[in-house]
Amino acid sequence: MASVKLDIEEMSRFALRLDATAKDCRDKNRQIHAEFMHLKEVWRDRKFSEFSKVFEETARELNEFQRDCEIFAQYLRQHVALARKVQDTRFG
């Protein structure tokens, strides 16, 4: 049977970092989106149209990254809980 070596505390810390990163992305995305909506009112030329497309695409990618951070943080937390349970059972 293959063994797996885990640093439970490091996994837990990384899950927290992923959560913090997701929150930062969410907060910054809201802030920049509000600023972008204001910018729409004052910048009206061809370059804005080009920028708008890039902005929207980047915003979608950042939203995906945020969701991925949340998903993998949850995954790590579940595995940390399972590893702790196994550890407690073996060495309890």
PDB file of N, CA and C in Angstrom:
ATOM      1  N   MET A   1       0.846  -1.179   0.000  1.00  0.00           N
ATOM      2  CA  MET A   1       0.000   0.000   0.000  1.00  0.00           C
ATOM      3  C   MET A   1       0.889   1.239   0.000  1.00  0.00           C
ATOM      4  N   ALA A   2       0.615   2.160  -0.875  1.00  0.00           N
ATOM      5  CA  ALA A   2       1.406   3.382  -0.965  1.00  0.00           C
ATOM      6  C   ALA A   2       1.068   4.305   0.197  1.00  0.00           C
ATOM      7  N   SER A   3       2.080   4.992   0.670  1.00  0.00           N
ATOM      8  CA  SER A   3       1.831   5.935   1.754  1.00  0.00           C
ATOM      9  C   SER A   3       1.899   7.355   1.211  1.00  0.00           C
ATOM     10  N   VAL A   4       1.205   8.225   1.879  1.00  0.00           N
ATOM     11  CA  VAL A   4       1.162   9.629   1.488  1.00  0.00           C
ATOM     12  C   VAL A   4       1.664  10.444   2.649  1.00  0.00           C
ATOM     13  N   LYS A   5       2.586  11.342   2.369  1.00  0.00           N
ATOM     14  CA  LYS A   5       3.104  12.205   3.418  1.00  0.00           C
ATOM     15  C   LYS A   5       2.472  13.583   3.253  1.00  0.00           C
ATOM     16  N   LEU A   6       1.797  14.031   4.295  1.00  0.00           N
ATOM     17  CA  LEU A   6       1.115  15.325   4.261  1.00  0.00           C
ATOM     18  C   LEU A   6       1.613  16.216   5.384  1.00  0.00           C
ATOM     19  N   ASP A   7       1.742  17.473   5.077  1.00  0.00           N
ATOM     20  CA  ASP A   7       1.985  18.469   6.116  1.00  0.00           C
ATOM     21  C   ASP A   7       0.629  19.141   6.349  1.00  0.00           C
ATOM     22  N   ILE A   8      -0.074  18.631   7.333  1.00  0.00           N
ATOM     23  CA  ILE A   8      -1.446  19.072   7.588  1.00  0.00           C
ATOM     24  C   ILE A   8      -1.513  20.573   7.863  1.00  0.00           C
ATOM     25  N   GLU A   9      -0.592  21.057   8.646  1.00  0.00           N
ATOM     26  CA  GLU A   9      -0.617  22.486   8.993  1.00  0.00           C
ATOM     27  C   GLU A   9      -0.341  23.357   7.769  1.00  0.00           C
ATOM     28  N   GLU A  10       0.566  22.926   6.915  1.00  0.00           N
ATOM     29  CA  GLU A  10       0.857  23.688   5.693  1.00  0.00           C
ATOM     30  C   GLU A  10      -0.348  23.691   4.761  1.00  0.00           C
ATOM     31  N   MET A  11      -1.016  22.556   4.652  1.00  0.00           N
ATOM     32  CA  MET A  11      -2.232  22.489   3.831  1.00  0.00           C
ATOM     33  C   MET A  11      -3.303  23.422   4.385  1.00  0.00           C
ATOM     34  N   SER A  12      -3.434  23.437   5.687  1.00  0.00           N
ATOM     35  CA  SER A  12      -4.422  24.296   6.332  1.00  0.00           C
ATOM     36  C   SER A  12      -4.086  25.772   6.100  1.00  0.00           C
ATOM     37  N   ARG A  13      -2.818  26.121   6.252  1.00  0.00           N
ATOM     38  CA  ARG A  13      -2.399  27.518   6.008  1.00  0.00           C
ATOM     39  C   ARG A  13      -2.643  27.919   4.559  1.00  0.00           C
ATOM     40  N   PHE A  14      -2.354  27.007   3.640  1.00  0.00           N
ATOM     41  CA  PHE A  14      -2.555  27.334   2.232  1.00  0.00           C
ATOM     42  C   PHE A  14      -4.039  27.506   1.914  1.00  0.00           C
ATOM     43  N   ALA A  15      -4.887  26.703   2.509  1.00  0.00           N
ATOM     44  CA  ALA A  15      -6.333  26.865   2.323  1.00  0.00           C
ATOM     45  C   ALA A  15      -6.774  28.252   2.794  1.00  0.00           C
ATOM     46  N   LEU A  16      -6.228  28.692   3.923  1.00  0.00           N
ATOM     47  CA  LEU A  16      -6.541  30.036   4.418  1.00  0.00           C
ATOM     48  C   LEU A  16      -6.062  31.110   3.443  1.00  0.00           C
ATOM     49  N   ARG A  17      -4.878  30.896   2.862  1.00  0.00           N
ATOM     50  CA  ARG A  17      -4.355  31.863   1.880  1.00  0.00           C
ATOM     51  C   ARG A  17      -5.238  31.895   0.641  1.00  0.00           C
ATOM     52  N   LEU A  18      -5.701  30.735   0.210  1.00  0.00           N
ATOM     53  CA  LEU A  18      -6.608  30.703  -0.941  1.00  0.00           C
ATOM     54  C   LEU A  18      -7.906  31.434  -0.633  1.00  0.00           C
ATOM     55  N   ASP A  19      -8.446  31.238   0.569  1.00  0.00           N
ATOM     56  CA  ASP A  19      -9.657  31.956   0.977  1.00  0.00           C
ATOM     57  C   ASP A  19      -9.421  33.466   0.961  1.00  0.00           C
ATOM     58  N   ALA A  20      -8.280  33.886   1.511  1.00  0.00           N
ATOM     59  CA  ALA A  20      -7.962  35.317   1.554  1.00  0.00           C
ATOM     60  C   ALA A  20      -7.787  35.871   0.140  1.00  0.00           C
ATOM     61  N   THR A  21      -7.154  35.100  -0.722  1.00  0.00           N
ATOM     62  CA  THR A  21      -6.963  35.529  -2.109  1.00  0.00           C
ATOM     63  C   THR A  21      -8.303  35.661  -2.816  1.00  0.00           C
ATOM     64  N   ALA A  22      -9.187  34.709  -2.605  1.00  0.00           N
ATOM     65  CA  ALA A  22     -10.519  34.770  -3.214  1.00  0.00           C
ATOM     66  C   ALA A  22     -11.274  36.003  -2.730  1.00  0.00           C
ATOM     67  N   LYS A  23     -11.192  36.277  -1.442  1.00  0.00           N
ATOM     68  CA  LYS A  23     -11.871  37.459  -0.888  1.00  0.00           C
ATOM     69  C   LYS A  23     -11.279  38.739  -1.472  1.00  0.00           C
ATOM     70  N   ASP A  24      -9.961  38.809  -1.543  1.00  0.00           N
ATOM     71  CA  ASP A  24      -9.310  39.982  -2.133  1.00  0.00           C
ATOM     72  C   ASP A  24      -9.750  40.183  -3.577  1.00  0.00           C
ATOM     73  N   CYS A  25      -9.781  39.087  -4.347  1.00  0.00           N
ATOM     74  CA  CYS A  25     -10.225  39.173  -5.744  1.00  0.00           C
ATOM     75  C   CYS A  25     -11.655  39.684  -5.832  1.00  0.00           C
ATOM     76  N   ARG A  26     -12.517  39.130  -4.988  1.00  0.00           N
ATOM     77  CA  ARG A  26     -13.927  39.525  -4.987  1.00  0.00           C
ATOM     78  C   ARG A  26     -14.061  41.012  -4.658  1.00  0.00           C
ATOM     79  N   ASP A  27     -13.351  41.459  -3.609  1.00  0.00           N
ATOM     80  CA  ASP A  27     -13.431  42.863  -3.192  1.00  0.00           C
ATOM     81  C   ASP A  27     -12.869  43.804  -4.256  1.00  0.00           C
ATOM     82  N   LYS A  28     -11.708  43.461  -4.788  1.00  0.00           N
ATOM     83  CA  LYS A  28     -11.082  44.311  -5.815  1.00  0.00           C
ATOM     84  C   LYS A  28     -11.917  44.324  -7.087  1.00  0.00           C
ATOM     85  N   ASN A  29     -12.500  43.178  -7.427  1.00  0.00           N
ATOM     86  CA  ASN A  29     -13.330  43.111  -8.631  1.00  0.00           C
ATOM     87  C   ASN A  29     -14.543  44.028  -8.497  1.00  0.00           C
ATOM     88  N   ARG A  30     -15.170  44.023  -7.335  1.00  0.00           N
ATOM     89  CA  ARG A  30     -16.314  44.925  -7.111  1.00  0.00           C
ATOM     90  C   ARG A  30     -15.886  46.383  -7.234  1.00  0.00           C
ATOM     91  N   GLN A  31     -14.757  46.701  -6.628  1.00  0.00           N
ATOM     92  CA  GLN A  31     -14.261  48.073  -6.646  1.00  0.00           C
ATOM     93  C   GLN A  31     -13.929  48.525  -8.069  1.00  0.00           C
ATOM     94  N   ILE A  32     -13.176  47.710  -8.791  1.00  0.00           N
ATOM     95  CA  ILE A  32     -12.774  48.111 -10.138  1.00  0.00           C
ATOM     96  C   ILE A  32     -13.972  48.129 -11.086  1.00  0.00           C
ATOM     97  N   HIS A  33     -14.937  47.244 -10.863  1.00  0.00           N
ATOM     98  CA  HIS A  33     -16.133  47.251 -11.709  1.00  0.00           C
ATOM     99  C   HIS A  33     -16.925  48.545 -11.509  1.00  0.00           C
ATOM    100  N   ALA A  34     -17.035  49.001 -10.281  1.00  0.00           N
ATOM    101  CA  ALA A  34     -17.729  50.269 -10.011  1.00  0.00           C
ATOM    102  C   ALA A  34     -16.995  51.424 -10.688  1.00  0.00           C
ATOM    103  N   GLU A  35     -15.684  51.415 -10.616  1.00  0.00           N
ATOM    104  CA  GLU A  35     -14.899  52.464 -11.269  1.00  0.00           C
ATOM    105  C   GLU A  35     -15.044  52.383 -12.789  1.00  0.00           C
ATOM    106  N   PHE A  36     -15.080  51.174 -13.302  1.00  0.00           N
ATOM    107  CA  PHE A  36     -15.254  50.980 -14.740  1.00  0.00           C
ATOM    108  C   PHE A  36     -16.605  51.529 -15.193  1.00  0.00           C
ATOM    109  N   MET A  37     -17.652  51.278 -14.413  1.00  0.00           N
ATOM    110  CA  MET A  37     -18.980  51.781 -14.773  1.00  0.00           C
ATOM    111  C   MET A  37     -18.976  53.313 -14.816  1.00  0.00           C
ATOM    112  N   HIS A  38     -18.265  53.932 -13.903  1.00  0.00           N
ATOM    113  CA  HIS A  38     -18.144  55.391 -13.927  1.00  0.00           C
ATOM    114  C   HIS A  38     -17.356  55.831 -15.162  1.00  0.00           C
ATOM    115  N   LEU A  39     -16.306  55.114 -15.476  1.00  0.00           N
ATOM    116  CA  LEU A  39     -15.477  55.449 -16.624  1.00  0.00           C
ATOM    117  C   LEU A  39     -16.277  55.405 -17.921  1.00  0.00           C
ATOM    118  N   LYS A  40     -17.233  54.484 -17.985  1.00  0.00           N
ATOM    119  CA  LYS A  40     -18.103  54.377 -19.159  1.00  0.00           C
ATOM    120  C   LYS A  40     -18.811  55.694 -19.467  1.00  0.00           C
ATOM    121  N   GLU A  41     -19.074  56.438 -18.419  1.00  0.00           N
ATOM    122  CA  GLU A  41     -19.804  57.693 -18.580  1.00  0.00           C
ATOM    123  C   GLU A  41     -18.934  58.817 -19.148  1.00  0.00           C
ATOM    124  N   VAL A  42     -17.636  58.712 -18.985  1.00  0.00           N
ATOM    125  CA  VAL A  42     -16.763  59.827 -19.382  1.00  0.00           C
ATOM    126  C   VAL A  42     -15.810  59.494 -20.533  1.00  0.00           C
ATOM    127  N   TRP A  43     -15.656  58.231 -20.857  1.00  0.00           N
ATOM    128  CA  TRP A  43     -14.730  57.839 -21.932  1.00  0.00           C
ATOM    129  C   TRP A  43     -15.543  57.181 -23.029  1.00  0.00           C
ATOM    130  N   ARG A  44     -15.644  57.869 -24.159  1.00  0.00           N
ATOM    131  CA  ARG A  44     -16.502  57.365 -25.232  1.00  0.00           C
ATOM    132  C   ARG A  44     -15.804  57.481 -26.589  1.00  0.00           C
ATOM    133  N   ASP A  45     -14.890  56.600 -26.834  1.00  0.00           N
ATOM    134  CA  ASP A  45     -14.284  56.548 -28.158  1.00  0.00           C
ATOM    135  C   ASP A  45     -13.979  55.101 -28.521  1.00  0.00           C
ATOM    136  N   ARG A  46     -13.347  54.908 -29.656  1.00  0.00           N
ATOM    137  CA  ARG A  46     -13.053  53.563 -30.146  1.00  0.00           C
ATOM    138  C   ARG A  46     -12.150  52.800 -29.183  1.00  0.00           C
ATOM    139  N   LYS A  47     -11.198  53.497 -28.595  1.00  0.00           N
ATOM    140  CA  LYS A  47     -10.275  52.837 -27.669  1.00  0.00           C
ATOM    141  C   LYS A  47     -11.009  52.310 -26.440  1.00  0.00           C
ATOM    142  N   PHE A  48     -12.035  53.030 -25.997  1.00  0.00           N
ATOM    143  CA  PHE A  48     -12.799  52.527 -24.858  1.00  0.00           C
ATOM    144  C   PHE A  48     -13.475  51.205 -25.221  1.00  0.00           C
ATOM    145  N   SER A  49     -13.996  51.129 -26.425  1.00  0.00           N
ATOM    146  CA  SER A  49     -14.640  49.894 -26.864  1.00  0.00           C
ATOM    147  C   SER A  49     -13.640  48.741 -26.843  1.00  0.00           C
ATOM    148  N   GLU A  50     -12.421  48.986 -27.304  1.00  0.00           N
ATOM    149  CA  GLU A  50     -11.371  47.962 -27.264  1.00  0.00           C
ATOM    150  C   GLU A  50     -11.047  47.589 -25.818  1.00  0.00           C
ATOM    151  N   PHE A  51     -10.881  48.623 -24.992  1.00  0.00           N
ATOM    152  CA  PHE A  51     -10.551  48.383 -23.589  1.00  0.00           C
ATOM    153  C   PHE A  51     -11.680  47.636 -22.884  1.00  0.00           C
ATOM    154  N   SER A  52     -12.901  47.990 -23.199  1.00  0.00           N
ATOM    155  CA  SER A  52     -14.056  47.364 -22.571  1.00  0.00           C
ATOM    156  C   SER A  52     -14.065  45.851 -22.801  1.00  0.00           C
ATOM    157  N   LYS A  53     -13.747  45.431 -24.016  1.00  0.00           N
ATOM    158  CA  LYS A  53     -13.707  44.002 -24.322  1.00  0.00           C
ATOM    159  C   LYS A  53     -12.629  43.301 -23.498  1.00  0.00           C
ATOM    160  N   VAL A  54     -11.451  43.909 -23.424  1.00  0.00           N
ATOM    161  CA  VAL A  54     -10.351  43.334 -22.646  1.00  0.00           C
ATOM    162  C   VAL A  54     -10.719  43.307 -21.168  1.00  0.00           C
ATOM    163  N   PHE A  55     -11.324  44.384 -20.686  1.00  0.00           N
ATOM    164  CA  PHE A  55     -11.721  44.474 -19.282  1.00  0.00           C
ATOM    165  C   PHE A  55     -12.707  43.367 -18.933  1.00  0.00           C
ATOM    166  N   GLU A  56     -13.735  43.197 -19.734  1.00  0.00           N
ATOM    167  CA  GLU A  56     -14.768  42.191 -19.461  1.00  0.00           C
ATOM    168  C   GLU A  56     -14.183  40.770 -19.496  1.00  0.00           C
ATOM    169  N   GLU A  57     -13.303  40.502 -20.458  1.00  0.00           N
ATOM    170  CA  GLU A  57     -12.682  39.186 -20.546  1.00  0.00           C
ATOM    171  C   GLU A  57     -11.806  38.916 -19.315  1.00  0.00           C
ATOM    172  N   THR A  58     -11.037  39.910 -18.936  1.00  0.00           N
ATOM    173  CA  THR A  58     -10.175  39.768 -17.768  1.00  0.00           C
ATOM    174  C   THR A  58     -10.999  39.597 -16.495  1.00  0.00           C
ATOM    175  N   ALA A  59     -12.086  40.334 -16.385  1.00  0.00           N
ATOM    176  CA  ALA A  59     -12.962  40.217 -15.219  1.00  0.00           C
ATOM    177  C   ALA A  59     -13.533  38.797 -15.126  1.00  0.00           C
ATOM    178  N   ARG A  60     -13.925  38.212 -16.249  1.00  0.00           N
ATOM    179  CA  ARG A  60     -14.434  36.832 -16.246  1.00  0.00           C
ATOM    180  C   ARG A  60     -13.345  35.859 -15.782  1.00  0.00           C
ATOM    181  N   GLU A  61     -12.130  36.060 -16.281  1.00  0.00           N
ATOM    182  CA  GLU A  61     -11.021  35.182 -15.888  1.00  0.00           C
ATOM    183  C   GLU A  61     -10.718  35.317 -14.396  1.00  0.00           C
ATOM    184  N   LEU A  62     -10.770  36.532 -13.881  1.00  0.00           N
ATOM    185  CA  LEU A  62     -10.538  36.733 -12.451  1.00  0.00           C
ATOM    186  C   LEU A  62     -11.642  36.092 -11.620  1.00  0.00           C
ATOM    187  N   ASN A  63     -12.872  36.155 -12.105  1.00  0.00           N
ATOM    188  CA  ASN A  63     -13.981  35.481 -11.410  1.00  0.00           C
ATOM    189  C   ASN A  63     -13.767  33.974 -11.379  1.00  0.00           C
ATOM    190  N   GLU A  64     -13.289  33.423 -12.478  1.00  0.00           N
ATOM    191  CA  GLU A  64     -12.993  31.989 -12.512  1.00  0.00           C
ATOM    192  C   GLU A  64     -11.873  31.650 -11.531  1.00  0.00           C
ATOM    193  N   PHE A  65     -10.840  32.486 -11.495  1.00  0.00           N
ATOM    194  CA  PHE A  65      -9.741  32.270 -10.565  1.00  0.00           C
ATOM    195  C   PHE A  65     -10.244  32.315  -9.123  1.00  0.00           C
ATOM    196  N   GLN A  66     -11.102  33.283  -8.829  1.00  0.00           N
ATOM    197  CA  GLN A  66     -11.679  33.408  -7.490  1.00  0.00           C
ATOM    198  C   GLN A  66     -12.444  32.140  -7.124  1.00  0.00           C
ATOM    199  N   ARG A  67     -13.282  31.658  -8.035  1.00  0.00           N
ATOM    200  CA  ARG A  67     -14.043  30.427  -7.778  1.00  0.00           C
ATOM    201  C   ARG A  67     -13.110  29.233  -7.594  1.00  0.00           C
ATOM    202  N   ASP A  68     -12.075  29.165  -8.414  1.00  0.00           N
ATOM    203  CA  ASP A  68     -11.104  28.069  -8.278  1.00  0.00           C
ATOM    204  C   ASP A  68     -10.425  28.106  -6.919  1.00  0.00           C
ATOM    205  N   CYS A  69     -10.063  29.298  -6.460  1.00  0.00           N
ATOM    206  CA  CYS A  69      -9.454  29.431  -5.134  1.00  0.00           C
ATOM    207  C   CYS A  69     -10.397  28.907  -4.066  1.00  0.00           C
ATOM    208  N   GLU A  70     -11.669  29.271  -4.152  1.00  0.00           N
ATOM    209  CA  GLU A  70     -12.655  28.822  -3.174  1.00  0.00           C
ATOM    210  C   GLU A  70     -12.836  27.306  -3.228  1.00  0.00           C
ATOM    211  N   ILE A  71     -12.891  26.755  -4.422  1.00  0.00           N
ATOM    212  CA  ILE A  71     -13.076  25.312  -4.588  1.00  0.00           C
ATOM    213  C   ILE A  71     -11.885  24.548  -4.015  1.00  0.00           C
ATOM    214  N   PHE A  72     -10.675  24.979  -4.350  1.00  0.00           N
ATOM    215  CA  PHE A  72      -9.499  24.259  -3.875  1.00  0.00           C
ATOM    216  C   PHE A  72      -9.261  24.477  -2.384  1.00  0.00           C
ATOM    217  N   ALA A  73      -9.644  25.630  -1.863  1.00  0.00           N
ATOM    218  CA  ALA A  73      -9.544  25.841  -0.412  1.00  0.00           C
ATOM    219  C   ALA A  73     -10.464  24.864   0.307  1.00  0.00           C
ATOM    220  N   GLN A  74     -11.678  24.707  -0.196  1.00  0.00           N
ATOM    221  CA  GLN A  74     -12.624  23.749   0.390  1.00  0.00           C
ATOM    222  C   GLN A  74     -12.084  22.326   0.295  1.00  0.00           C
ATOM    223  N   TYR A  75     -11.524  21.987  -0.852  1.00  0.00           N
ATOM    224  CA  TYR A  75     -10.925  20.667  -1.053  1.00  0.00           C
ATOM    225  C   TYR A  75      -9.825  20.422  -0.016  1.00  0.00           C
ATOM    226  N   LEU A  76      -8.946  21.399   0.157  1.00  0.00           N
ATOM    227  CA  LEU A  76      -7.857  21.249   1.123  1.00  0.00           C
ATOM    228  C   LEU A  76      -8.393  21.112   2.549  1.00  0.00           C
ATOM    229  N   ARG A  77      -9.392  21.929   2.906  1.00  0.00           N
ATOM    230  CA  ARG A  77      -9.975  21.832   4.250  1.00  0.00           C
ATOM    231  C   ARG A  77     -10.557  20.447   4.507  1.00  0.00           C
ATOM    232  N   GLN A  78     -11.230  19.894   3.512  1.00  0.00           N
ATOM    233  CA  GLN A  78     -11.801  18.550   3.666  1.00  0.00           C
ATOM    234  C   GLN A  78     -10.698  17.517   3.872  1.00  0.00           C
ATOM    235  N   HIS A  79      -9.619  17.645   3.116  1.00  0.00           N
ATOM    236  CA  HIS A  79      -8.523  16.690   3.253  1.00  0.00           C
ATOM    237  C   HIS A  79      -7.757  16.880   4.564  1.00  0.00           C
ATOM    238  N   VAL A  80      -7.653  18.106   5.002  1.00  0.00           N
ATOM    239  CA  VAL A  80      -7.024  18.362   6.299  1.00  0.00           C
ATOM    240  C   VAL A  80      -7.862  17.704   7.403  1.00  0.00           C
ATOM    241  N   ALA A  81      -9.179  17.881   7.335  1.00  0.00           N
ATOM    242  CA  ALA A  81     -10.058  17.280   8.349  1.00  0.00           C
ATOM    243  C   ALA A  81      -9.929  15.764   8.339  1.00  0.00           C
ATOM    244  N   LEU A  82      -9.903  15.181   7.147  1.00  0.00           N
ATOM    245  CA  LEU A  82      -9.759  13.735   7.041  1.00  0.00           C
ATOM    246  C   LEU A  82      -8.393  13.281   7.571  1.00  0.00           C
ATOM    247  N   ALA A  83      -7.334  14.005   7.219  1.00  0.00           N
ATOM    248  CA  ALA A  83      -5.982  13.651   7.679  1.00  0.00           C
ATOM    249  C   ALA A  83      -5.890  13.751   9.203  1.00  0.00           C
ATOM    250  N   ARG A  84      -6.520  14.774   9.770  1.00  0.00           N
ATOM    251  CA  ARG A  84      -6.517  14.908  11.235  1.00  0.00           C
ATOM    252  C   ARG A  84      -7.284  13.765  11.893  1.00  0.00           C
ATOM    253  N   LYS A  85      -8.376  13.376  11.266  1.00  0.00           N
ATOM    254  CA  LYS A  85      -9.171  12.257  11.816  1.00  0.00           C
ATOM    255  C   LYS A  85      -8.346  10.973  11.786  1.00  0.00           C
ATOM    256  N   VAL A  86      -7.674  10.735  10.675  1.00  0.00           N
ATOM    257  CA  VAL A  86      -6.822   9.548  10.557  1.00  0.00           C
ATOM    258  C   VAL A  86      -5.695   9.615  11.580  1.00  0.00           C
ATOM    259  N   GLN A  87      -5.099  10.780  11.700  1.00  0.00           N
ATOM    260  CA  GLN A  87      -4.000  10.970  12.662  1.00  0.00           C
ATOM    261  C   GLN A  87      -4.478  10.717  14.101  1.00  0.00           C
ATOM    262  N   ASP A  88      -5.650  11.259  14.418  1.00  0.00           N
ATOM    263  CA  ASP A  88      -6.200  11.064  15.768  1.00  0.00           C
ATOM    264  C   ASP A  88      -6.521   9.589  16.024  1.00  0.00           C
ATOM    265  N   THR A  89      -6.991   8.902  15.007  1.00  0.00           N
ATOM    266  CA  THR A  89      -7.319   7.488  15.138  1.00  0.00           C
ATOM    267  C   THR A  89      -6.055   6.660  15.350  1.00  0.00           C
ATOM    268  N   ARG A  90      -5.014   6.995  14.605  1.00  0.00           N
ATOM    269  CA  ARG A  90      -3.758   6.224  14.705  1.00  0.00           C
ATOM    270  C   ARG A  90      -2.967   6.542  15.961  1.00  0.00           C
ATOM    271  N   PHE A  91      -2.915   7.844  16.290  1.00  0.00           N
ATOM    272  CA  PHE A  91      -2.014   8.266  17.374  1.00  0.00           C
ATOM    273  C   PHE A  91      -2.764   8.823  18.561  1.00  0.00           C
ATOM    274  N   GLY A  92      -4.103   8.814  18.490  1.00  0.00           N
ATOM    275  CA  GLY A  92      -5.000   9.397  19.442  1.00  0.00           C
ATOM    276  C   GLY A  92      -4.725   9.178  20.839  1.00  0.00           C
TER     277      GLY A  92
END
